[in-house]
Amino acid sequence: MTDLKIYYRIERIERSVGDILSRIITSLPYSARTPILTGLYMINTHKGRKGKLLGYTLIGVGAAAFGLFLLSGIYGLLSPNNENIHYIGSPDGYHAFVPHDTISYDGHTDPKGDLILDNGNVIHNAIWDGRYSDTIINNHNQIVKLNNDFVGKIDPVNNQRYVPLHDFYVIKGQVPIKQITIDGQTYYLIDANKINPANIAGFYTYKEWVNNFVAAINTPGTYAAGLPGNSPVFKWTNTTGTVAYQTMVYQDYIRGAAGGDVLIPPTGMIIPYGSIRPLGSALFNFTTPQYTYNLS
């Protein structure tokens, strides 16, 4: 219902039930206001029994919606698990935590890095706390070690030098975060225990392409595909060819890792990557691509 229609409904309600009642109704949340306004309109304009019955039903629906609204608000205020927690990012978006090092928090060690939101905004000094914290630390340490061992050496397939790769962890849906202070420094804590495990998956690619990956996975029409073992992409004498093969080299050293996949946005500029634990089922199409990338 448009704002203009709501305005006209309000005018008619004011004439029939009074100005005070209409002001109360217009202050209700949208989910409650719309059915109540429509119901009152039908009661006042439809003289038949069916019209009035439908009108009262709509008012009941609106009242129920308002009750749920109140309950959700009270729960949010009283629940100790929700203190200072804010949910950021688009509910339908993909966001990425990019670890850089670790920090001591609340008696344990957590990964610390950046949080890239679906719109490209970056939150620095982000801490991943809770589920998969140790997994992320172990994965990142492995990637750093492999970079120390391989970067600068020659890719035997395309004869180019290996480049530094970086791991990152994609979250599907909004991210629960709260601001904390450690030794006078402000940090942003990701409460991973409040994220559905199915909505978390790890990936790795060329470190300069992590932002590109996040932008691509949030672009409608982007899909993932696997490279066949004889793909000419591995022979490309550019960073794309190098990273495509390098992700497969690294998979042999990291438990649960699998390289040789590419992200294909509508622009057609592919981004080679590998997947790494955790492997949430909601991101299955990216951790286990169902398509094969063949050059036409």
C-alpha atoms as a PDB file:
ATOM      1  CA  MET A   1       0.000   0.000   0.000  1.00  0.00           C
ATOM      2  CA  THR A   2       1.475   3.379  -1.008  1.00  0.00           C
ATOM      3  CA  ASP A   3       1.927   6.288   1.398  1.00  0.00           C
ATOM      4  CA  LEU A   4      -0.722   8.230  -0.556  1.00  0.00           C
ATOM      5  CA  LYS A   5      -3.284   5.469  -0.122  1.00  0.00           C
ATOM      6  CA  ILE A   6      -2.466   5.216   3.573  1.00  0.00           C
ATOM      7  CA  TYR A   7      -3.049   8.947   3.884  1.00  0.00           C
ATOM      8  CA  TYR A   8      -6.524   8.698   2.372  1.00  0.00           C
ATOM      9  CA  ARG A   9      -7.362   5.698   4.566  1.00  0.00           C
ATOM     10  CA  ILE A  10      -6.295   7.719   7.624  1.00  0.00           C
ATOM     11  CA  GLU A  11      -8.603  10.599   6.637  1.00  0.00           C
ATOM     12  CA  ARG A  12     -11.604   8.268   6.447  1.00  0.00           C
ATOM     13  CA  ILE A  13     -10.709   6.572   9.739  1.00  0.00           C
ATOM     14  CA  GLU A  14     -10.409   9.942  11.485  1.00  0.00           C
ATOM     15  CA  ARG A  15     -13.972  10.784  10.493  1.00  0.00           C
ATOM     16  CA  SER A  16     -15.304   7.481  11.814  1.00  0.00           C
ATOM     17  CA  VAL A  17     -13.277   6.608  14.898  1.00  0.00           C
ATOM     18  CA  GLY A  18     -11.737   9.888  15.906  1.00  0.00           C
ATOM     19  CA  ASP A  19      -8.468  11.694  15.645  1.00  0.00           C
ATOM     20  CA  ILE A  20      -6.823  10.120  18.699  1.00  0.00           C
ATOM     21  CA  LEU A  21      -7.314   6.547  17.508  1.00  0.00           C
ATOM     22  CA  SER A  22      -5.980   7.319  14.044  1.00  0.00           C
ATOM     23  CA  ARG A  23      -2.853   8.890  15.480  1.00  0.00           C
ATOM     24  CA  ILE A  24      -2.243   5.792  17.567  1.00  0.00           C
ATOM     25  CA  ILE A  25      -2.643   3.589  14.501  1.00  0.00           C
ATOM     26  CA  THR A  26      -0.274   5.652  12.346  1.00  0.00           C
ATOM     27  CA  SER A  27       2.416   5.310  15.001  1.00  0.00           C
ATOM     28  CA  LEU A  28       2.319   1.499  14.770  1.00  0.00           C
ATOM     29  CA  PRO A  29       4.976  -0.459  12.847  1.00  0.00           C
ATOM     30  CA  TYR A  30       4.197  -0.973   9.152  1.00  0.00           C
ATOM     31  CA  SER A  31       3.431  -4.705   9.551  1.00  0.00           C
ATOM     32  CA  ALA A  32       0.640  -3.862  12.030  1.00  0.00           C
ATOM     33  CA  ARG A  33      -0.529  -0.510  10.628  1.00  0.00           C
ATOM     34  CA  THR A  34      -1.350  -1.661   7.100  1.00  0.00           C
ATOM     35  CA  PRO A  35      -3.796  -4.513   7.906  1.00  0.00           C
ATOM     36  CA  ILE A  36      -5.494  -2.445  10.647  1.00  0.00           C
ATOM     37  CA  LEU A  37      -6.032   0.525   8.334  1.00  0.00           C
ATOM     38  CA  THR A  38      -7.320  -1.733   5.574  1.00  0.00           C
ATOM     39  CA  GLY A  39      -9.610  -3.558   7.985  1.00  0.00           C
ATOM     40  CA  LEU A  40     -11.122  -0.335   9.353  1.00  0.00           C
ATOM     41  CA  TYR A  41     -11.598   0.947   5.829  1.00  0.00           C
ATOM     42  CA  MET A  42     -13.496  -2.203   4.825  1.00  0.00           C
ATOM     43  CA  ILE A  43     -15.707  -2.064   7.927  1.00  0.00           C
ATOM     44  CA  ASN A  44     -16.675   1.527   7.143  1.00  0.00           C
ATOM     45  CA  THR A  45     -17.200   1.093   3.398  1.00  0.00           C
ATOM     46  CA  HIS A  46     -18.579  -2.443   3.066  1.00  0.00           C
ATOM     47  CA  LYS A  47     -22.070  -2.851   4.471  1.00  0.00           C
ATOM     48  CA  GLY A  48     -22.286  -6.592   3.845  1.00  0.00           C
ATOM     49  CA  ARG A  49     -21.487  -9.232   6.423  1.00  0.00           C
ATOM     50  CA  LYS A  50     -18.550 -10.654   4.464  1.00  0.00           C
ATOM     51  CA  GLY A  51     -16.894  -7.274   4.115  1.00  0.00           C
ATOM     52  CA  LYS A  52     -17.161  -6.524   7.820  1.00  0.00           C
ATOM     53  CA  LEU A  53     -15.931 -10.021   8.733  1.00  0.00           C
ATOM     54  CA  LEU A  54     -12.893  -9.578   6.499  1.00  0.00           C
ATOM     55  CA  GLY A  55     -12.312  -6.155   8.020  1.00  0.00           C
ATOM     56  CA  TYR A  56     -12.313  -7.497  11.572  1.00  0.00           C
ATOM     57  CA  THR A  57     -10.013 -10.340  10.471  1.00  0.00           C
ATOM     58  CA  LEU A  58      -7.500  -7.843   9.081  1.00  0.00           C
ATOM     59  CA  ILE A  59      -7.618  -5.834  12.305  1.00  0.00           C
ATOM     60  CA  GLY A  60      -6.891  -9.057  14.204  1.00  0.00           C
ATOM     61  CA  VAL A  61      -3.939  -9.759  11.948  1.00  0.00           C
ATOM     62  CA  GLY A  62      -2.596  -6.272  12.591  1.00  0.00           C
ATOM     63  CA  ALA A  63      -3.046  -6.627  16.338  1.00  0.00           C
ATOM     64  CA  ALA A  64      -1.206  -9.951  16.288  1.00  0.00           C
ATOM     65  CA  ALA A  65       1.632  -8.400  14.299  1.00  0.00           C
ATOM     66  CA  PHE A  66       1.896  -5.601  16.841  1.00  0.00           C
ATOM     67  CA  GLY A  67       1.996  -8.155  19.656  1.00  0.00           C
ATOM     68  CA  LEU A  68       4.893  -9.963  17.997  1.00  0.00           C
ATOM     69  CA  PHE A  69       6.625  -6.632  17.492  1.00  0.00           C
ATOM     70  CA  LEU A  70       6.358  -5.879  21.206  1.00  0.00           C
ATOM     71  CA  LEU A  71       7.570  -9.345  22.194  1.00  0.00           C
ATOM     72  CA  SER A  72      10.585  -9.146  19.901  1.00  0.00           C
ATOM     73  CA  GLY A  73      11.486  -5.743  21.317  1.00  0.00           C
ATOM     74  CA  ILE A  74      11.174  -6.943  24.907  1.00  0.00           C
ATOM     75  CA  TYR A  75      13.267 -10.037  24.139  1.00  0.00           C
ATOM     76  CA  GLY A  76      15.969  -7.900  22.573  1.00  0.00           C
ATOM     77  CA  LEU A  77      16.089  -5.714  25.672  1.00  0.00           C
ATOM     78  CA  LEU A  78      16.109  -8.534  28.218  1.00  0.00           C
ATOM     79  CA  SER A  79      18.203 -11.236  26.553  1.00  0.00           C
ATOM     80  CA  PRO A  80      21.715 -11.259  28.065  1.00  0.00           C
ATOM     81  CA  ASN A  81      23.054 -12.796  24.860  1.00  0.00           C
ATOM     82  CA  ASN A  82      22.148  -9.708  22.851  1.00  0.00           C
ATOM     83  CA  GLU A  83      23.881  -7.066  24.946  1.00  0.00           C
ATOM     84  CA  ASN A  84      25.602  -4.486  22.736  1.00  0.00           C
ATOM     85  CA  ILE A  85      25.293  -6.738  19.687  1.00  0.00           C
ATOM     86  CA  HIS A  86      24.513  -5.075  16.359  1.00  0.00           C
ATOM     87  CA  TYR A  87      23.782  -6.909  13.126  1.00  0.00           C
ATOM     88  CA  ILE A  88      25.478  -5.206  10.205  1.00  0.00           C
ATOM     89  CA  GLY A  89      25.524  -5.718   6.461  1.00  0.00           C
ATOM     90  CA  SER A  90      22.788  -6.797   4.113  1.00  0.00           C
ATOM     91  CA  PRO A  91      20.703  -9.826   5.178  1.00  0.00           C
ATOM     92  CA  ASP A  92      21.169 -11.208   1.665  1.00  0.00           C
ATOM     93  CA  GLY A  93      24.806 -10.206   1.286  1.00  0.00           C
ATOM     94  CA  TYR A  94      28.137 -11.971   1.553  1.00  0.00           C
ATOM     95  CA  HIS A  95      30.727 -10.484   3.899  1.00  0.00           C
ATOM     96  CA  ALA A  96      34.304 -11.583   4.538  1.00  0.00           C
ATOM     97  CA  PHE A  97      36.580 -11.694   7.556  1.00  0.00           C
ATOM     98  CA  VAL A  98      40.229 -11.411   6.510  1.00  0.00           C
ATOM     99  CA  PRO A  99      42.653 -12.480   9.265  1.00  0.00           C
ATOM    100  CA  HIS A 100      46.053 -10.833   9.659  1.00  0.00           C
ATOM    101  CA  ASP A 101      47.278 -11.808  13.113  1.00  0.00           C
ATOM    102  CA  THR A 102      45.958 -12.753  16.567  1.00  0.00           C
ATOM    103  CA  ILE A 103      44.979 -11.026  19.786  1.00  0.00           C
ATOM    104  CA  SER A 104      44.364 -12.104  23.363  1.00  0.00           C
ATOM    105  CA  TYR A 105      40.746 -11.599  24.396  1.00  0.00           C
ATOM    106  CA  ASP A 106      38.869 -12.824  27.450  1.00  0.00           C
ATOM    107  CA  GLY A 107      41.573 -15.331  28.347  1.00  0.00           C
ATOM    108  CA  HIS A 108      42.031 -16.891  24.907  1.00  0.00           C
ATOM    109  CA  THR A 109      43.546 -16.121  21.511  1.00  0.00           C
ATOM    110  CA  ASP A 110      41.384 -14.935  18.607  1.00  0.00           C
ATOM    111  CA  PRO A 111      42.184 -14.051  14.998  1.00  0.00           C
ATOM    112  CA  LYS A 112      42.241 -10.321  14.239  1.00  0.00           C
ATOM    113  CA  GLY A 113      41.914  -8.630  10.867  1.00  0.00           C
ATOM    114  CA  ASP A 114      39.450  -6.792   8.639  1.00  0.00           C
ATOM    115  CA  LEU A 115      35.748  -7.281   7.963  1.00  0.00           C
ATOM    116  CA  ILE A 116      34.736  -6.524   4.377  1.00  0.00           C
ATOM    117  CA  LEU A 117      31.012  -5.844   4.023  1.00  0.00           C
ATOM    118  CA  ASP A 118      28.942  -6.664   0.971  1.00  0.00           C
ATOM    119  CA  ASN A 119      28.923  -2.992  -0.075  1.00  0.00           C
ATOM    120  CA  GLY A 120      32.737  -2.828  -0.059  1.00  0.00           C
ATOM    121  CA  ASN A 121      33.090  -0.961   3.240  1.00  0.00           C
ATOM    122  CA  VAL A 122      35.925  -2.279   5.409  1.00  0.00           C
ATOM    123  CA  ILE A 123      35.912  -2.445   9.205  1.00  0.00           C
ATOM    124  CA  HIS A 124      39.470  -2.606  10.541  1.00  0.00           C
ATOM    125  CA  ASN A 125      40.473  -4.051  13.912  1.00  0.00           C
ATOM    126  CA  ALA A 126      37.859  -6.804  13.639  1.00  0.00           C
ATOM    127  CA  ILE A 127      38.163  -9.819  15.948  1.00  0.00           C
ATOM    128  CA  TRP A 128      36.631 -13.220  15.208  1.00  0.00           C
ATOM    129  CA  ASP A 129      35.484 -14.704  18.517  1.00  0.00           C
ATOM    130  CA  GLY A 130      33.816 -18.050  19.106  1.00  0.00           C
ATOM    131  CA  ARG A 131      33.088 -20.837  16.653  1.00  0.00           C
ATOM    132  CA  TYR A 132      35.934 -21.685  14.213  1.00  0.00           C
ATOM    133  CA  SER A 133      38.365 -19.277  15.871  1.00  0.00           C
ATOM    134  CA  ASP A 134      41.077 -21.936  16.221  1.00  0.00           C
ATOM    135  CA  THR A 135      40.406 -23.249  12.706  1.00  0.00           C
ATOM    136  CA  ILE A 136      40.933 -19.793  11.226  1.00  0.00           C
ATOM    137  CA  ILE A 137      44.172 -19.303  13.160  1.00  0.00           C
ATOM    138  CA  ASN A 138      45.515 -22.666  12.019  1.00  0.00           C
ATOM    139  CA  ASN A 139      44.496 -22.093   8.392  1.00  0.00           C
ATOM    140  CA  HIS A 140      46.058 -18.651   8.329  1.00  0.00           C
ATOM    141  CA  ASN A 141      49.310 -19.896   9.848  1.00  0.00           C
ATOM    142  CA  GLN A 142      49.465 -22.571   7.147  1.00  0.00           C
ATOM    143  CA  ILE A 143      48.905 -20.024   4.382  1.00  0.00           C
ATOM    144  CA  VAL A 144      51.612 -17.748   5.805  1.00  0.00           C
ATOM    145  CA  LYS A 145      54.048 -20.664   6.000  1.00  0.00           C
ATOM    146  CA  LEU A 146      53.281 -21.749   2.433  1.00  0.00           C
ATOM    147  CA  ASN A 147      53.764 -18.189   1.199  1.00  0.00           C
ATOM    148  CA  ASN A 148      57.183 -18.144   2.878  1.00  0.00           C
ATOM    149  CA  ASP A 149      58.036 -21.419   1.163  1.00  0.00           C
ATOM    150  CA  PHE A 150      56.688 -20.749  -2.331  1.00  0.00           C
ATOM    151  CA  VAL A 151      56.365 -17.030  -3.127  1.00  0.00           C
ATOM    152  CA  GLY A 152      59.069 -16.024  -5.587  1.00  0.00           C
ATOM    153  CA  LYS A 153      59.643 -19.543  -6.832  1.00  0.00           C
ATOM    154  CA  ILE A 154      58.709 -20.530 -10.379  1.00  0.00           C
ATOM    155  CA  ASP A 155      55.378 -22.041 -11.333  1.00  0.00           C
ATOM    156  CA  PRO A 156      56.415 -25.073 -13.430  1.00  0.00           C
ATOM    157  CA  VAL A 157      53.347 -24.801 -15.663  1.00  0.00           C
ATOM    158  CA  ASN A 158      53.455 -21.166 -16.829  1.00  0.00           C
ATOM    159  CA  ASN A 159      57.022 -20.307 -15.746  1.00  0.00           C
ATOM    160  CA  GLN A 160      55.873 -17.286 -13.719  1.00  0.00           C
ATOM    161  CA  ARG A 161      56.706 -16.565 -10.086  1.00  0.00           C
ATOM    162  CA  TYR A 162      54.306 -17.606  -7.357  1.00  0.00           C
ATOM    163  CA  VAL A 163      52.489 -14.759  -5.584  1.00  0.00           C
ATOM    164  CA  PRO A 164      51.259 -14.422  -1.966  1.00  0.00           C
ATOM    165  CA  LEU A 165      47.850 -15.957  -1.308  1.00  0.00           C
ATOM    166  CA  HIS A 166      45.530 -15.049   1.559  1.00  0.00           C
ATOM    167  CA  ASP A 167      42.711 -16.836   3.363  1.00  0.00           C
ATOM    168  CA  PHE A 168      39.367 -15.231   4.201  1.00  0.00           C
ATOM    169  CA  TYR A 169      36.053 -16.378   5.638  1.00  0.00           C
ATOM    170  CA  VAL A 170      32.759 -15.539   3.998  1.00  0.00           C
ATOM    171  CA  ILE A 171      29.618 -14.994   6.063  1.00  0.00           C
ATOM    172  CA  LYS A 172      26.267 -15.211   4.337  1.00  0.00           C
ATOM    173  CA  GLY A 173      23.780 -12.816   5.925  1.00  0.00           C
ATOM    174  CA  GLN A 174      24.175 -10.146   8.568  1.00  0.00           C
ATOM    175  CA  VAL A 175      27.181 -10.169  10.898  1.00  0.00           C
ATOM    176  CA  PRO A 176      26.700  -9.944  14.696  1.00  0.00           C
ATOM    177  CA  ILE A 177      29.259  -7.479  15.972  1.00  0.00           C
ATOM    178  CA  LYS A 178      29.919  -5.397  19.063  1.00  0.00           C
ATOM    179  CA  GLN A 179      32.422  -2.709  19.947  1.00  0.00           C
ATOM    180  CA  ILE A 180      34.925  -3.546  22.677  1.00  0.00           C
ATOM    181  CA  THR A 181      38.050  -1.955  24.128  1.00  0.00           C
ATOM    182  CA  ILE A 182      41.331  -3.780  24.777  1.00  0.00           C
ATOM    183  CA  ASP A 183      44.190  -1.841  26.368  1.00  0.00           C
ATOM    184  CA  GLY A 184      42.590   1.437  25.341  1.00  0.00           C
ATOM    185  CA  GLN A 185      42.190   0.382  21.694  1.00  0.00           C
ATOM    186  CA  THR A 186      38.782   0.015  20.047  1.00  0.00           C
ATOM    187  CA  TYR A 187      38.009  -3.290  18.334  1.00  0.00           C
ATOM    188  CA  TYR A 188      34.947  -4.786  16.656  1.00  0.00           C
ATOM    189  CA  LEU A 189      34.137  -8.266  17.874  1.00  0.00           C
ATOM    190  CA  ILE A 190      32.395 -10.709  15.539  1.00  0.00           C
ATOM    191  CA  ASP A 191      30.348 -13.053  17.723  1.00  0.00           C
ATOM    192  CA  ALA A 192      30.678 -16.185  15.581  1.00  0.00           C
ATOM    193  CA  ASN A 193      28.584 -18.240  17.988  1.00  0.00           C
ATOM    194  CA  LYS A 194      25.572 -16.224  16.839  1.00  0.00           C
ATOM    195  CA  ILE A 195      26.170 -17.127  13.182  1.00  0.00           C
ATOM    196  CA  ASN A 196      24.605 -20.247  11.696  1.00  0.00           C
ATOM    197  CA  PRO A 197      27.566 -22.574  10.904  1.00  0.00           C
ATOM    198  CA  ALA A 198      25.966 -23.319   7.532  1.00  0.00           C
ATOM    199  CA  ASN A 199      26.527 -19.646   6.602  1.00  0.00           C
ATOM    200  CA  ILE A 200      30.316 -19.668   7.070  1.00  0.00           C
ATOM    201  CA  ALA A 201      32.892 -20.883   4.558  1.00  0.00           C
ATOM    202  CA  GLY A 202      36.621 -20.337   4.066  1.00  0.00           C
ATOM    203  CA  PHE A 203      38.422 -19.449   0.839  1.00  0.00           C
ATOM    204  CA  TYR A 204      41.889 -18.422  -0.346  1.00  0.00           C
ATOM    205  CA  THR A 205      43.140 -16.522  -3.374  1.00  0.00           C
ATOM    206  CA  TYR A 206      45.739 -13.934  -4.388  1.00  0.00           C
ATOM    207  CA  LYS A 207      45.860 -11.435  -1.526  1.00  0.00           C
ATOM    208  CA  GLU A 208      45.205  -8.489  -3.859  1.00  0.00           C
ATOM    209  CA  TRP A 209      42.003 -10.107  -5.101  1.00  0.00           C
ATOM    210  CA  VAL A 210      40.169 -10.682  -1.818  1.00  0.00           C
ATOM    211  CA  ASN A 211      38.160  -7.455  -2.206  1.00  0.00           C
ATOM    212  CA  ASN A 212      37.448  -8.374  -5.837  1.00  0.00           C
ATOM    213  CA  PHE A 213      36.186 -11.779  -4.708  1.00  0.00           C
ATOM    214  CA  VAL A 214      33.780 -10.204  -2.200  1.00  0.00           C
ATOM    215  CA  ALA A 215      32.528  -7.742  -4.819  1.00  0.00           C
ATOM    216  CA  ALA A 216      32.037 -10.536  -7.365  1.00  0.00           C
ATOM    217  CA  ILE A 217      30.223 -12.942  -5.043  1.00  0.00           C
ATOM    218  CA  ASN A 218      27.776 -10.124  -4.246  1.00  0.00           C
ATOM    219  CA  THR A 219      27.164  -9.399  -7.939  1.00  0.00           C
ATOM    220  CA  PRO A 220      23.990 -10.954  -9.394  1.00  0.00           C
ATOM    221  CA  GLY A 221      24.847 -13.475 -12.084  1.00  0.00           C
ATOM    222  CA  THR A 222      28.180 -14.520 -10.602  1.00  0.00           C
ATOM    223  CA  TYR A 223      28.754 -18.266 -10.382  1.00  0.00           C
ATOM    224  CA  ALA A 224      31.576 -20.656  -9.567  1.00  0.00           C
ATOM    225  CA  ALA A 225      33.133 -23.408 -11.668  1.00  0.00           C
ATOM    226  CA  GLY A 226      35.952 -25.909 -11.409  1.00  0.00           C
ATOM    227  CA  LEU A 227      38.908 -26.014 -13.759  1.00  0.00           C
ATOM    228  CA  PRO A 228      39.535 -29.344 -15.514  1.00  0.00           C
ATOM    229  CA  GLY A 229      43.033 -30.756 -15.019  1.00  0.00           C
ATOM    230  CA  ASN A 230      44.024 -29.922 -18.584  1.00  0.00           C
ATOM    231  CA  SER A 231      42.608 -26.400 -18.551  1.00  0.00           C
ATOM    232  CA  PRO A 232      44.637 -23.922 -20.609  1.00  0.00           C
ATOM    233  CA  VAL A 233      44.070 -21.387 -17.792  1.00  0.00           C
ATOM    234  CA  PHE A 234      46.961 -22.992 -15.892  1.00  0.00           C
ATOM    235  CA  LYS A 235      49.277 -22.061 -18.762  1.00  0.00           C
ATOM    236  CA  TRP A 236      48.285 -18.426 -18.933  1.00  0.00           C
ATOM    237  CA  THR A 237      51.424 -16.365 -18.382  1.00  0.00           C
ATOM    238  CA  ASN A 238      49.741 -13.923 -16.013  1.00  0.00           C
ATOM    239  CA  THR A 239      48.687 -13.804 -12.374  1.00  0.00           C
ATOM    240  CA  THR A 240      45.394 -15.553 -13.167  1.00  0.00           C
ATOM    241  CA  GLY A 241      47.211 -18.591 -14.537  1.00  0.00           C
ATOM    242  CA  THR A 242      49.673 -18.594 -11.641  1.00  0.00           C
ATOM    243  CA  VAL A 243      47.026 -18.356  -8.908  1.00  0.00           C
ATOM    244  CA  ALA A 244      44.883 -21.030 -10.561  1.00  0.00           C
ATOM    245  CA  TYR A 245      47.728 -23.543 -10.315  1.00  0.00           C
ATOM    246  CA  GLN A 246      49.056 -22.252  -6.977  1.00  0.00           C
ATOM    247  CA  THR A 247      45.724 -22.875  -5.218  1.00  0.00           C
ATOM    248  CA  MET A 248      46.104 -26.526  -6.194  1.00  0.00           C
ATOM    249  CA  VAL A 249      49.671 -26.637  -4.909  1.00  0.00           C
ATOM    250  CA  TYR A 250      48.578 -25.274  -1.528  1.00  0.00           C
ATOM    251  CA  GLN A 251      45.705 -27.744  -1.185  1.00  0.00           C
ATOM    252  CA  ASP A 252      48.190 -30.567  -0.677  1.00  0.00           C
ATOM    253  CA  TYR A 253      49.487 -28.907   2.504  1.00  0.00           C
ATOM    254  CA  ILE A 254      46.241 -27.757   4.160  1.00  0.00           C
ATOM    255  CA  ARG A 255      43.758 -30.220   5.578  1.00  0.00           C
ATOM    256  CA  GLY A 256      40.359 -29.887   3.941  1.00  0.00           C
ATOM    257  CA  ALA A 257      41.526 -27.431   1.266  1.00  0.00           C
ATOM    258  CA  ALA A 258      40.642 -27.716  -2.418  1.00  0.00           C
ATOM    259  CA  GLY A 259      41.974 -25.446  -5.164  1.00  0.00           C
ATOM    260  CA  GLY A 260      41.453 -25.073  -8.880  1.00  0.00           C
ATOM    261  CA  ASP A 261      38.106 -23.249  -8.827  1.00  0.00           C
ATOM    262  CA  VAL A 262      37.179 -19.941 -10.425  1.00  0.00           C
ATOM    263  CA  LEU A 263      34.599 -17.287  -9.640  1.00  0.00           C
ATOM    264  CA  ILE A 264      32.975 -16.002 -12.820  1.00  0.00           C
ATOM    265  CA  PRO A 265      31.206 -12.625 -12.557  1.00  0.00           C
ATOM    266  CA  PRO A 266      29.108 -11.272 -15.457  1.00  0.00           C
ATOM    267  CA  THR A 267      32.146  -9.312 -16.674  1.00  0.00           C
ATOM    268  CA  GLY A 268      33.833 -12.630 -17.465  1.00  0.00           C
ATOM    269  CA  MET A 269      37.050 -11.698 -15.612  1.00  0.00           C
ATOM    270  CA  ILE A 270      37.599 -14.919 -13.671  1.00  0.00           C
ATOM    271  CA  ILE A 271      39.050 -15.057 -10.151  1.00  0.00           C
ATOM    272  CA  PRO A 272      40.863 -18.314  -9.301  1.00  0.00           C
ATOM    273  CA  TYR A 273      40.461 -19.488  -5.708  1.00  0.00           C
ATOM    274  CA  GLY A 274      40.435 -22.433  -3.373  1.00  0.00           C
ATOM    275  CA  SER A 275      38.103 -23.404  -0.535  1.00  0.00           C
ATOM    276  CA  ILE A 276      39.192 -24.151   3.004  1.00  0.00           C
ATOM    277  CA  ARG A 277      37.496 -25.229   6.231  1.00  0.00           C
ATOM    278  CA  PRO A 278      34.880 -24.451   7.449  1.00  0.00           C
ATOM    279  CA  LEU A 279      32.676 -25.401   4.503  1.00  0.00           C
ATOM    280  CA  GLY A 280      29.171 -24.208   5.364  1.00  0.00           C
ATOM    281  CA  SER A 281      26.410 -25.806   3.315  1.00  0.00           C
ATOM    282  CA  ALA A 282      24.793 -22.450   2.429  1.00  0.00           C
ATOM    283  CA  LEU A 283      27.890 -21.680   0.333  1.00  0.00           C
ATOM    284  CA  PHE A 284      28.032 -25.125  -1.273  1.00  0.00           C
ATOM    285  CA  ASN A 285      27.832 -23.680  -4.795  1.00  0.00           C
ATOM    286  CA  PHE A 286      31.122 -21.886  -4.148  1.00  0.00           C
ATOM    287  CA  THR A 287      32.976 -24.477  -2.052  1.00  0.00           C
ATOM    288  CA  THR A 288      31.962 -27.309  -4.394  1.00  0.00           C
ATOM    289  CA  PRO A 289      31.160 -25.780  -7.800  1.00  0.00           C
ATOM    290  CA  GLN A 290      28.713 -27.703  -9.937  1.00  0.00           C
ATOM    291  CA  TYR A 291      29.995 -26.322 -13.233  1.00  0.00           C
ATOM    292  CA  THR A 292      33.193 -26.831 -15.225  1.00  0.00           C
ATOM    293  CA  TYR A 293      34.980 -23.849 -16.743  1.00  0.00           C
ATOM    294  CA  ASN A 294      35.763 -24.537 -20.392  1.00  0.00           C
ATOM    295  CA  LEU A 295      37.118 -21.895 -22.710  1.00  0.00           C
ATOM    296  CA  SER A 296      35.004 -21.588 -25.851  1.00  0.00           C
END
